């Protein structure tokens, strides 16, 4: 069953040009289409500025798309009235990139994690306290930590708190927007393992946004590569890693460090002039598409 359907999604931002001059428009997401099946984890990868985060936020209508269609469980998200969108947010949640700025430093952890429950009027005070304790245990933190402030925690612990908050309403769809990019390597592995465990335990459908291909290889069943606002390659993760077709994907894969220092490794330089940016996606193999 398809849980999320994105069709021809576009987002353009106006850029001021000064007095008496019409603003320029910069297209950040350009005609993006993909589906995510129930229980699947789709990786959305590309360098900074490629439009990954904007795509994720457009899906949830944290920012409004310029055009295109987003469907969740068959319903048109862009057509939701405010009350319906509010209700839909119980099923669609996001973990933001930076745990240092996504948590309110003036709120204690119990208030941060319980905030979605308060906003949606779920449970009484004792019920919310019990739910917060359950969520903290779920993400590997002690319930006794609930009375502390974010400043008392490390980056990895803060991201666990952010994950607990995102799971408070039992969502079926979770967007993880570069959730470990600001953490050191050891902590990255711990948080990634937590996300993988939670995905299986809670049967979550996920959109995992990242610029590091190493992270998505073991987490994602399928992969979509974005370059300058467009998807240039998409397919099963093993197929994309094993036989990348687009020059940009090949360059990204060649940049992954090789653990064996004696192994022969050739770094591929991407030449933008060598590709047609407006080329449509073409079928390269079983469910493997590339704009070549």
C-alpha atoms as a PDB file:
ATOM      1  CA  UNK A   1       0.000   0.000   0.000  1.00  0.00           C
ATOM      2  CA  UNK A   2       1.323   3.446  -0.913  1.00  0.00           C
ATOM      3  CA  UNK A   3       1.340   5.691   2.117  1.00  0.00           C
ATOM      4  CA  UNK A   4       2.878   8.845   0.584  1.00  0.00           C
ATOM      5  CA  UNK A   5       2.607   9.978  -3.040  1.00  0.00           C
ATOM      6  CA  UNK A   6       4.449  13.059  -4.312  1.00  0.00           C
ATOM      7  CA  UNK A   7       3.707  14.281  -7.836  1.00  0.00           C
ATOM      8  CA  UNK A   8       5.474  17.120  -9.682  1.00  0.00           C
ATOM      9  CA  UNK A   9       6.291  18.946  -6.452  1.00  0.00           C
ATOM     10  CA  UNK A  10       7.792  22.406  -6.964  1.00  0.00           C
ATOM     11  CA  UNK A  11       8.859  25.096  -4.524  1.00  0.00           C
ATOM     12  CA  UNK A  12      10.146  28.510  -5.587  1.00  0.00           C
ATOM     13  CA  UNK A  13      11.253  31.319  -3.287  1.00  0.00           C
ATOM     14  CA  UNK A  14      11.151  34.998  -4.175  1.00  0.00           C
ATOM     15  CA  UNK A  15      14.464  36.842  -3.917  1.00  0.00           C
ATOM     16  CA  UNK A  16      14.222  40.654  -3.483  1.00  0.00           C
ATOM     17  CA  UNK A  17      16.082  42.779  -6.038  1.00  0.00           C
ATOM     18  CA  UNK A  18      15.676  46.223  -4.509  1.00  0.00           C
ATOM     19  CA  UNK A  19      13.321  49.168  -4.967  1.00  0.00           C
ATOM     20  CA  UNK A  20      10.958  49.191  -7.970  1.00  0.00           C
ATOM     21  CA  UNK A  21      12.302  45.891  -9.271  1.00  0.00           C
ATOM     22  CA  UNK A  22      10.319  42.679  -9.365  1.00  0.00           C
ATOM     23  CA  UNK A  23      11.820  39.937  -7.196  1.00  0.00           C
ATOM     24  CA  UNK A  24      13.582  37.010  -8.802  1.00  0.00           C
ATOM     25  CA  UNK A  25      12.284  33.510  -8.224  1.00  0.00           C
ATOM     26  CA  UNK A  26      14.654  30.744  -7.207  1.00  0.00           C
ATOM     27  CA  UNK A  27      13.315  27.228  -7.741  1.00  0.00           C
ATOM     28  CA  UNK A  28      14.601  25.011  -4.944  1.00  0.00           C
ATOM     29  CA  UNK A  29      12.458  21.933  -5.645  1.00  0.00           C
ATOM     30  CA  UNK A  30      11.841  21.309  -9.334  1.00  0.00           C
ATOM     31  CA  UNK A  31       9.192  18.794 -10.501  1.00  0.00           C
ATOM     32  CA  UNK A  32       9.920  16.100  -7.896  1.00  0.00           C
ATOM     33  CA  UNK A  33       7.872  12.877  -7.902  1.00  0.00           C
ATOM     34  CA  UNK A  34       8.172   9.705  -5.801  1.00  0.00           C
ATOM     35  CA  UNK A  35       6.135   7.253  -3.722  1.00  0.00           C
ATOM     36  CA  UNK A  36       6.772   5.680  -0.327  1.00  0.00           C
ATOM     37  CA  UNK A  37       5.084   2.376   0.454  1.00  0.00           C
ATOM     38  CA  UNK A  38       3.781   1.544   3.900  1.00  0.00           C
ATOM     39  CA  UNK A  39       6.621   0.224   6.068  1.00  0.00           C
ATOM     40  CA  UNK A  40       9.306   1.390   3.631  1.00  0.00           C
ATOM     41  CA  UNK A  41      12.249   3.694   4.290  1.00  0.00           C
ATOM     42  CA  UNK A  42      13.155   5.910   1.336  1.00  0.00           C
ATOM     43  CA  UNK A  43      16.485   7.708   1.422  1.00  0.00           C
ATOM     44  CA  UNK A  44      16.643  11.195  -0.106  1.00  0.00           C
ATOM     45  CA  UNK A  45      20.273  12.182  -0.621  1.00  0.00           C
ATOM     46  CA  UNK A  46      22.286  14.972  -2.193  1.00  0.00           C
ATOM     47  CA  UNK A  47      24.689  17.741  -1.285  1.00  0.00           C
ATOM     48  CA  UNK A  48      23.697  20.784   0.781  1.00  0.00           C
ATOM     49  CA  UNK A  49      21.330  23.047  -1.162  1.00  0.00           C
ATOM     50  CA  UNK A  50      19.980  20.290  -3.389  1.00  0.00           C
ATOM     51  CA  UNK A  51      16.418  20.741  -2.076  1.00  0.00           C
ATOM     52  CA  UNK A  52      16.140  17.710   0.223  1.00  0.00           C
ATOM     53  CA  UNK A  53      15.000  19.495   3.357  1.00  0.00           C
ATOM     54  CA  UNK A  54      12.618  21.757   1.442  1.00  0.00           C
ATOM     55  CA  UNK A  55      11.035  18.673  -0.126  1.00  0.00           C
ATOM     56  CA  UNK A  56      10.458  17.121   3.297  1.00  0.00           C
ATOM     57  CA  UNK A  57       8.954  20.280   4.721  1.00  0.00           C
ATOM     58  CA  UNK A  58       6.683  20.712   1.708  1.00  0.00           C
ATOM     59  CA  UNK A  59       5.330  17.198   2.226  1.00  0.00           C
ATOM     60  CA  UNK A  60       4.275  18.120   5.768  1.00  0.00           C
ATOM     61  CA  UNK A  61       3.215  21.636   4.688  1.00  0.00           C
ATOM     62  CA  UNK A  62       5.600  23.213   7.160  1.00  0.00           C
ATOM     63  CA  UNK A  63       6.227  25.377   4.124  1.00  0.00           C
ATOM     64  CA  UNK A  64       3.684  25.636   1.326  1.00  0.00           C
ATOM     65  CA  UNK A  65       4.590  24.099  -2.051  1.00  0.00           C
ATOM     66  CA  UNK A  66       4.368  26.344  -5.111  1.00  0.00           C
ATOM     67  CA  UNK A  67       2.738  23.583  -7.143  1.00  0.00           C
ATOM     68  CA  UNK A  68       2.353  19.838  -7.315  1.00  0.00           C
ATOM     69  CA  UNK A  69       0.495  17.207  -5.358  1.00  0.00           C
ATOM     70  CA  UNK A  70       1.150  15.432  -2.064  1.00  0.00           C
ATOM     71  CA  UNK A  71      -1.098  12.566  -0.998  1.00  0.00           C
ATOM     72  CA  UNK A  72      -1.075  10.818   2.363  1.00  0.00           C
ATOM     73  CA  UNK A  73      -3.168   7.650   2.594  1.00  0.00           C
ATOM     74  CA  UNK A  74      -4.824   8.716  -0.634  1.00  0.00           C
ATOM     75  CA  UNK A  75      -5.850  12.166   0.626  1.00  0.00           C
ATOM     76  CA  UNK A  76      -4.623  15.419  -0.912  1.00  0.00           C
ATOM     77  CA  UNK A  77      -2.515  17.074   1.802  1.00  0.00           C
ATOM     78  CA  UNK A  78      -2.467  20.415  -0.024  1.00  0.00           C
ATOM     79  CA  UNK A  79      -6.272  20.525   0.073  1.00  0.00           C
ATOM     80  CA  UNK A  80      -6.482  20.009   3.851  1.00  0.00           C
ATOM     81  CA  UNK A  81      -8.255  22.743   5.782  1.00  0.00           C
ATOM     82  CA  UNK A  82      -6.400  23.889   8.941  1.00  0.00           C
ATOM     83  CA  UNK A  83      -8.375  21.553  11.216  1.00  0.00           C
ATOM     84  CA  UNK A  84      -7.769  18.539   8.962  1.00  0.00           C
ATOM     85  CA  UNK A  85      -4.080  19.398   8.612  1.00  0.00           C
ATOM     86  CA  UNK A  86      -3.787  19.631  12.385  1.00  0.00           C
ATOM     87  CA  UNK A  87      -5.325  16.168  12.725  1.00  0.00           C
ATOM     88  CA  UNK A  88      -3.050  14.770   9.989  1.00  0.00           C
ATOM     89  CA  UNK A  89       0.020  15.999  11.872  1.00  0.00           C
ATOM     90  CA  UNK A  90      -0.696  13.317  14.474  1.00  0.00           C
ATOM     91  CA  UNK A  91       0.283  10.768  11.828  1.00  0.00           C
ATOM     92  CA  UNK A  92       3.110  12.709  10.114  1.00  0.00           C
ATOM     93  CA  UNK A  93       6.037  13.892  12.209  1.00  0.00           C
ATOM     94  CA  UNK A  94       9.598  15.126  11.662  1.00  0.00           C
ATOM     95  CA  UNK A  95      12.934  14.914  13.471  1.00  0.00           C
ATOM     96  CA  UNK A  96      14.938  18.034  12.676  1.00  0.00           C
ATOM     97  CA  UNK A  97      18.629  18.167  11.879  1.00  0.00           C
ATOM     98  CA  UNK A  98      20.017  20.216  14.750  1.00  0.00           C
ATOM     99  CA  UNK A  99      19.176  19.000  18.270  1.00  0.00           C
ATOM    100  CA  UNK A 100      20.716  22.157  19.709  1.00  0.00           C
ATOM    101  CA  UNK A 101      18.200  24.510  18.081  1.00  0.00           C
ATOM    102  CA  UNK A 102      15.129  22.253  17.775  1.00  0.00           C
ATOM    103  CA  UNK A 103      14.608  21.987  21.550  1.00  0.00           C
ATOM    104  CA  UNK A 104      13.392  24.990  23.535  1.00  0.00           C
ATOM    105  CA  UNK A 105      16.158  25.691  26.104  1.00  0.00           C
ATOM    106  CA  UNK A 106      13.604  27.202  28.520  1.00  0.00           C
ATOM    107  CA  UNK A 107      11.484  24.053  28.693  1.00  0.00           C
ATOM    108  CA  UNK A 108      12.233  20.943  30.720  1.00  0.00           C
ATOM    109  CA  UNK A 109      12.406  17.626  28.919  1.00  0.00           C
ATOM    110  CA  UNK A 110       9.037  16.458  30.250  1.00  0.00           C
ATOM    111  CA  UNK A 111       7.353  19.572  28.810  1.00  0.00           C
ATOM    112  CA  UNK A 112       9.177  19.210  25.476  1.00  0.00           C
ATOM    113  CA  UNK A 113       8.177  15.564  24.983  1.00  0.00           C
ATOM    114  CA  UNK A 114       4.614  16.141  26.229  1.00  0.00           C
ATOM    115  CA  UNK A 115       4.052  19.239  24.085  1.00  0.00           C
ATOM    116  CA  UNK A 116       2.421  17.347  21.153  1.00  0.00           C
ATOM    117  CA  UNK A 117       0.053  15.659  23.625  1.00  0.00           C
ATOM    118  CA  UNK A 118      -0.906  19.031  25.101  1.00  0.00           C
ATOM    119  CA  UNK A 119      -1.418  20.635  21.678  1.00  0.00           C
ATOM    120  CA  UNK A 120      -3.721  17.808  20.567  1.00  0.00           C
ATOM    121  CA  UNK A 121      -5.509  17.546  23.921  1.00  0.00           C
ATOM    122  CA  UNK A 122      -4.488  13.958  24.575  1.00  0.00           C
ATOM    123  CA  UNK A 123      -4.642  12.603  28.145  1.00  0.00           C
ATOM    124  CA  UNK A 124      -4.618  14.252  31.533  1.00  0.00           C
ATOM    125  CA  UNK A 125      -1.557  15.322  33.505  1.00  0.00           C
ATOM    126  CA  UNK A 126      -0.825  11.922  35.038  1.00  0.00           C
ATOM    127  CA  UNK A 127      -1.401  10.189  31.703  1.00  0.00           C
ATOM    128  CA  UNK A 128       1.015  12.531  29.973  1.00  0.00           C
ATOM    129  CA  UNK A 129       3.648  11.994  32.651  1.00  0.00           C
ATOM    130  CA  UNK A 130       3.366   8.247  32.157  1.00  0.00           C
ATOM    131  CA  UNK A 131       3.611   8.641  28.392  1.00  0.00           C
ATOM    132  CA  UNK A 132       6.720  10.825  28.706  1.00  0.00           C
ATOM    133  CA  UNK A 133       8.393   8.207  30.924  1.00  0.00           C
ATOM    134  CA  UNK A 134       7.500   5.505  28.382  1.00  0.00           C
ATOM    135  CA  UNK A 135       8.894   7.536  25.488  1.00  0.00           C
ATOM    136  CA  UNK A 136      12.154   8.344  27.260  1.00  0.00           C
ATOM    137  CA  UNK A 137      12.701   4.656  27.966  1.00  0.00           C
ATOM    138  CA  UNK A 138      11.867   3.881  24.343  1.00  0.00           C
ATOM    139  CA  UNK A 139      14.724   6.101  23.116  1.00  0.00           C
ATOM    140  CA  UNK A 140      17.217   4.862  25.706  1.00  0.00           C
ATOM    141  CA  UNK A 141      16.959   7.601  28.349  1.00  0.00           C
ATOM    142  CA  UNK A 142      16.052   7.334  32.023  1.00  0.00           C
ATOM    143  CA  UNK A 143      12.613   8.693  33.025  1.00  0.00           C
ATOM    144  CA  UNK A 144      14.364  10.465  35.925  1.00  0.00           C
ATOM    145  CA  UNK A 145      15.927  12.795  33.318  1.00  0.00           C
ATOM    146  CA  UNK A 146      12.527  14.318  32.546  1.00  0.00           C
ATOM    147  CA  UNK A 147      12.952  17.237  34.954  1.00  0.00           C
ATOM    148  CA  UNK A 148      16.212  18.438  33.398  1.00  0.00           C
ATOM    149  CA  UNK A 149      16.762  21.084  30.725  1.00  0.00           C
ATOM    150  CA  UNK A 150      18.284  20.507  27.260  1.00  0.00           C
ATOM    151  CA  UNK A 151      21.538  22.187  28.356  1.00  0.00           C
ATOM    152  CA  UNK A 152      22.162  19.238  30.675  1.00  0.00           C
ATOM    153  CA  UNK A 153      22.394  16.765  27.782  1.00  0.00           C
ATOM    154  CA  UNK A 154      24.890  15.870  25.082  1.00  0.00           C
ATOM    155  CA  UNK A 155      24.062  16.246  21.390  1.00  0.00           C
ATOM    156  CA  UNK A 156      23.181  12.570  21.024  1.00  0.00           C
ATOM    157  CA  UNK A 157      20.914  12.674  24.080  1.00  0.00           C
ATOM    158  CA  UNK A 158      19.201  15.804  22.777  1.00  0.00           C
ATOM    159  CA  UNK A 159      18.472  14.062  19.493  1.00  0.00           C
ATOM    160  CA  UNK A 160      16.979  11.151  21.428  1.00  0.00           C
ATOM    161  CA  UNK A 161      14.703  13.656  23.182  1.00  0.00           C
ATOM    162  CA  UNK A 162      13.699  15.080  19.791  1.00  0.00           C
ATOM    163  CA  UNK A 163      12.907  11.568  18.553  1.00  0.00           C
ATOM    164  CA  UNK A 164      10.805  10.902  21.658  1.00  0.00           C
ATOM    165  CA  UNK A 165       8.831  14.090  20.990  1.00  0.00           C
ATOM    166  CA  UNK A 166       8.256  13.069  17.353  1.00  0.00           C
ATOM    167  CA  UNK A 167       6.923   9.673  18.466  1.00  0.00           C
ATOM    168  CA  UNK A 168       4.607  11.013  21.175  1.00  0.00           C
ATOM    169  CA  UNK A 169       1.499  10.863  18.956  1.00  0.00           C
ATOM    170  CA  UNK A 170       2.227   7.397  17.517  1.00  0.00           C
ATOM    171  CA  UNK A 171       2.780   8.622  13.932  1.00  0.00           C
ATOM    172  CA  UNK A 172       2.763   6.222  11.006  1.00  0.00           C
ATOM    173  CA  UNK A 173       5.073   8.414   8.873  1.00  0.00           C
ATOM    174  CA  UNK A 174       8.326   9.951  10.092  1.00  0.00           C
ATOM    175  CA  UNK A 175      10.667  12.308   8.248  1.00  0.00           C
ATOM    176  CA  UNK A 176      14.206  12.189   9.621  1.00  0.00           C
ATOM    177  CA  UNK A 177      15.935  15.309   8.287  1.00  0.00           C
ATOM    178  CA  UNK A 178      19.677  14.642   8.549  1.00  0.00           C
ATOM    179  CA  UNK A 179      19.150  13.533  12.159  1.00  0.00           C
ATOM    180  CA  UNK A 180      22.801  12.687  12.863  1.00  0.00           C
ATOM    181  CA  UNK A 181      24.750  15.143  10.714  1.00  0.00           C
ATOM    182  CA  UNK A 182      25.654  17.387  13.669  1.00  0.00           C
ATOM    183  CA  UNK A 183      26.849  14.485  15.858  1.00  0.00           C
ATOM    184  CA  UNK A 184      30.251  12.848  16.053  1.00  0.00           C
ATOM    185  CA  UNK A 185      30.842   9.491  14.390  1.00  0.00           C
ATOM    186  CA  UNK A 186      30.398   7.300  17.470  1.00  0.00           C
ATOM    187  CA  UNK A 187      27.154   8.974  18.482  1.00  0.00           C
ATOM    188  CA  UNK A 188      25.933   8.871  14.876  1.00  0.00           C
ATOM    189  CA  UNK A 189      26.108   5.070  14.917  1.00  0.00           C
ATOM    190  CA  UNK A 190      24.171   4.881  18.190  1.00  0.00           C
ATOM    191  CA  UNK A 191      21.375   7.187  17.022  1.00  0.00           C
ATOM    192  CA  UNK A 192      21.164   5.442  13.646  1.00  0.00           C
ATOM    193  CA  UNK A 193      20.808   2.066  15.382  1.00  0.00           C
ATOM    194  CA  UNK A 194      18.066   3.548  17.559  1.00  0.00           C
ATOM    195  CA  UNK A 195      16.176   4.793  14.503  1.00  0.00           C
ATOM    196  CA  UNK A 196      16.486   1.401  12.813  1.00  0.00           C
ATOM    197  CA  UNK A 197      15.197  -0.387  15.918  1.00  0.00           C
ATOM    198  CA  UNK A 198      12.283   2.026  16.315  1.00  0.00           C
ATOM    199  CA  UNK A 199      11.354   1.708  12.657  1.00  0.00           C
ATOM    200  CA  UNK A 200      10.988  -2.043  13.018  1.00  0.00           C
ATOM    201  CA  UNK A 201       9.388  -2.031  16.461  1.00  0.00           C
ATOM    202  CA  UNK A 202       6.809   0.653  15.662  1.00  0.00           C
ATOM    203  CA  UNK A 203       6.356  -0.324  11.991  1.00  0.00           C
ATOM    204  CA  UNK A 204       7.165   3.215  10.845  1.00  0.00           C
ATOM    205  CA  UNK A 205       7.253   4.447   7.271  1.00  0.00           C
ATOM    206  CA  UNK A 206      10.205   6.812   6.896  1.00  0.00           C
ATOM    207  CA  UNK A 207      11.706   9.425   4.621  1.00  0.00           C
ATOM    208  CA  UNK A 208      15.381   9.584   5.608  1.00  0.00           C
ATOM    209  CA  UNK A 209      17.102  12.747   4.372  1.00  0.00           C
ATOM    210  CA  UNK A 210      20.900  12.734   4.322  1.00  0.00           C
ATOM    211  CA  UNK A 211      23.939  13.977   2.444  1.00  0.00           C
ATOM    212  CA  UNK A 212      26.119  11.057   3.601  1.00  0.00           C
ATOM    213  CA  UNK A 213      25.547   7.995   1.428  1.00  0.00           C
ATOM    214  CA  UNK A 214      27.152   5.718   4.002  1.00  0.00           C
ATOM    215  CA  UNK A 215      24.231   6.318   6.344  1.00  0.00           C
ATOM    216  CA  UNK A 216      21.502   5.382   3.891  1.00  0.00           C
ATOM    217  CA  UNK A 217      23.087   2.195   2.545  1.00  0.00           C
ATOM    218  CA  UNK A 218      22.069   0.019   5.501  1.00  0.00           C
ATOM    219  CA  UNK A 219      18.953   1.942   6.545  1.00  0.00           C
ATOM    220  CA  UNK A 220      16.994   2.554   3.347  1.00  0.00           C
ATOM    221  CA  UNK A 221      15.266   0.061   1.089  1.00  0.00           C
ATOM    222  CA  UNK A 222      15.203   2.575  -1.782  1.00  0.00           C
ATOM    223  CA  UNK A 223      17.200   5.655  -2.626  1.00  0.00           C
ATOM    224  CA  UNK A 224      16.475   8.904  -4.482  1.00  0.00           C
ATOM    225  CA  UNK A 225      19.370  11.207  -5.414  1.00  0.00           C
ATOM    226  CA  UNK A 226      18.690  14.941  -5.722  1.00  0.00           C
ATOM    227  CA  UNK A 227      20.782  17.449  -7.634  1.00  0.00           C
ATOM    228  CA  UNK A 228      19.868  21.137  -7.837  1.00  0.00           C
ATOM    229  CA  UNK A 229      16.223  20.534  -6.966  1.00  0.00           C
ATOM    230  CA  UNK A 230      15.597  17.530  -9.221  1.00  0.00           C
ATOM    231  CA  UNK A 231      15.720  13.775  -8.662  1.00  0.00           C
ATOM    232  CA  UNK A 232      18.387  12.450 -11.027  1.00  0.00           C
ATOM    233  CA  UNK A 233      18.393   8.795  -9.963  1.00  0.00           C
ATOM    234  CA  UNK A 234      16.070   6.558  -7.962  1.00  0.00           C
ATOM    235  CA  UNK A 235      15.851   2.860  -7.279  1.00  0.00           C
ATOM    236  CA  UNK A 236      16.573   0.006  -4.855  1.00  0.00           C
ATOM    237  CA  UNK A 237      19.541   0.958  -2.693  1.00  0.00           C
ATOM    238  CA  UNK A 238      21.579  -2.083  -3.750  1.00  0.00           C
ATOM    239  CA  UNK A 239      20.971  -1.328  -7.435  1.00  0.00           C
ATOM    240  CA  UNK A 240      21.981   2.332  -7.121  1.00  0.00           C
ATOM    241  CA  UNK A 241      25.111   1.495  -5.128  1.00  0.00           C
ATOM    242  CA  UNK A 242      26.019  -1.404  -7.377  1.00  0.00           C
ATOM    243  CA  UNK A 243      25.345   0.200 -10.751  1.00  0.00           C
ATOM    244  CA  UNK A 244      24.809   3.958 -10.568  1.00  0.00           C
ATOM    245  CA  UNK A 245      23.801   5.422 -13.929  1.00  0.00           C
ATOM    246  CA  UNK A 246      23.862   9.185 -13.425  1.00  0.00           C
ATOM    247  CA  UNK A 247      27.214  10.981 -13.356  1.00  0.00           C
ATOM    248  CA  UNK A 248      26.278  12.880 -10.188  1.00  0.00           C
ATOM    249  CA  UNK A 249      25.419   9.662  -8.328  1.00  0.00           C
ATOM    250  CA  UNK A 250      28.663   8.105  -9.493  1.00  0.00           C
ATOM    251  CA  UNK A 251      30.608  11.088  -8.160  1.00  0.00           C
ATOM    252  CA  UNK A 252      28.827  10.905  -4.785  1.00  0.00           C
ATOM    253  CA  UNK A 253      29.550   7.197  -4.465  1.00  0.00           C
ATOM    254  CA  UNK A 254      33.196   7.676  -5.379  1.00  0.00           C
ATOM    255  CA  UNK A 255      33.547  10.165  -2.510  1.00  0.00           C
ATOM    256  CA  UNK A 256      32.732   7.531   0.130  1.00  0.00           C
ATOM    257  CA  UNK A 257      35.953   6.750   2.043  1.00  0.00           C
ATOM    258  CA  UNK A 258      37.348   3.229   1.569  1.00  0.00           C
ATOM    259  CA  UNK A 259      38.257   1.495   4.870  1.00  0.00           C
ATOM    260  CA  UNK A 260      41.191  -0.376   3.307  1.00  0.00           C
ATOM    261  CA  UNK A 261      44.009   2.134   2.618  1.00  0.00           C
ATOM    262  CA  UNK A 262      45.664  -0.305   0.202  1.00  0.00           C
ATOM    263  CA  UNK A 263      42.554  -0.742  -1.959  1.00  0.00           C
ATOM    264  CA  UNK A 264      42.505   0.948  -5.338  1.00  0.00           C
ATOM    265  CA  UNK A 265      40.010   3.804  -5.324  1.00  0.00           C
ATOM    266  CA  UNK A 266      39.285   6.274  -8.084  1.00  0.00           C
ATOM    267  CA  UNK A 267      37.586   9.548  -7.222  1.00  0.00           C
ATOM    268  CA  UNK A 268      35.162  10.712  -9.939  1.00  0.00           C
ATOM    269  CA  UNK A 269      34.851  14.433 -10.611  1.00  0.00           C
ATOM    270  CA  UNK A 270      31.370  15.549 -11.563  1.00  0.00           C
ATOM    271  CA  UNK A 271      31.220  17.865 -14.557  1.00  0.00           C
ATOM    272  CA  UNK A 272      27.855  19.645 -14.624  1.00  0.00           C
ATOM    273  CA  UNK A 273      28.257  20.549 -18.288  1.00  0.00           C
ATOM    274  CA  UNK A 274      28.301  16.859 -19.179  1.00  0.00           C
ATOM    275  CA  UNK A 275      24.685  16.230 -18.106  1.00  0.00           C
ATOM    276  CA  UNK A 276      21.297  17.448 -19.302  1.00  0.00           C
ATOM    277  CA  UNK A 277      19.616  18.960 -16.241  1.00  0.00           C
ATOM    278  CA  UNK A 278      16.150  18.748 -17.809  1.00  0.00           C
ATOM    279  CA  UNK A 279      16.409  15.086 -18.855  1.00  0.00           C
ATOM    280  CA  UNK A 280      13.461  13.007 -17.612  1.00  0.00           C
ATOM    281  CA  UNK A 281      13.897   9.874 -15.539  1.00  0.00           C
ATOM    282  CA  UNK A 282      14.207   6.750 -17.690  1.00  0.00           C
ATOM    283  CA  UNK A 283      13.884   3.117 -16.633  1.00  0.00           C
ATOM    284  CA  UNK A 284      17.362   1.560 -16.356  1.00  0.00           C
ATOM    285  CA  UNK A 285      16.420  -1.725 -14.709  1.00  0.00           C
ATOM    286  CA  UNK A 286      13.893  -3.144 -12.297  1.00  0.00           C
ATOM    287  CA  UNK A 287      12.496  -0.088 -10.491  1.00  0.00           C
ATOM    288  CA  UNK A 288      15.785   1.709 -11.204  1.00  0.00           C
ATOM    289  CA  UNK A 289      15.398   5.141 -12.849  1.00  0.00           C
ATOM    290  CA  UNK A 290      17.952   7.731 -13.938  1.00  0.00           C
ATOM    291  CA  UNK A 291      17.842  11.077 -15.755  1.00  0.00           C
ATOM    292  CA  UNK A 292      20.273  10.116 -18.509  1.00  0.00           C
END
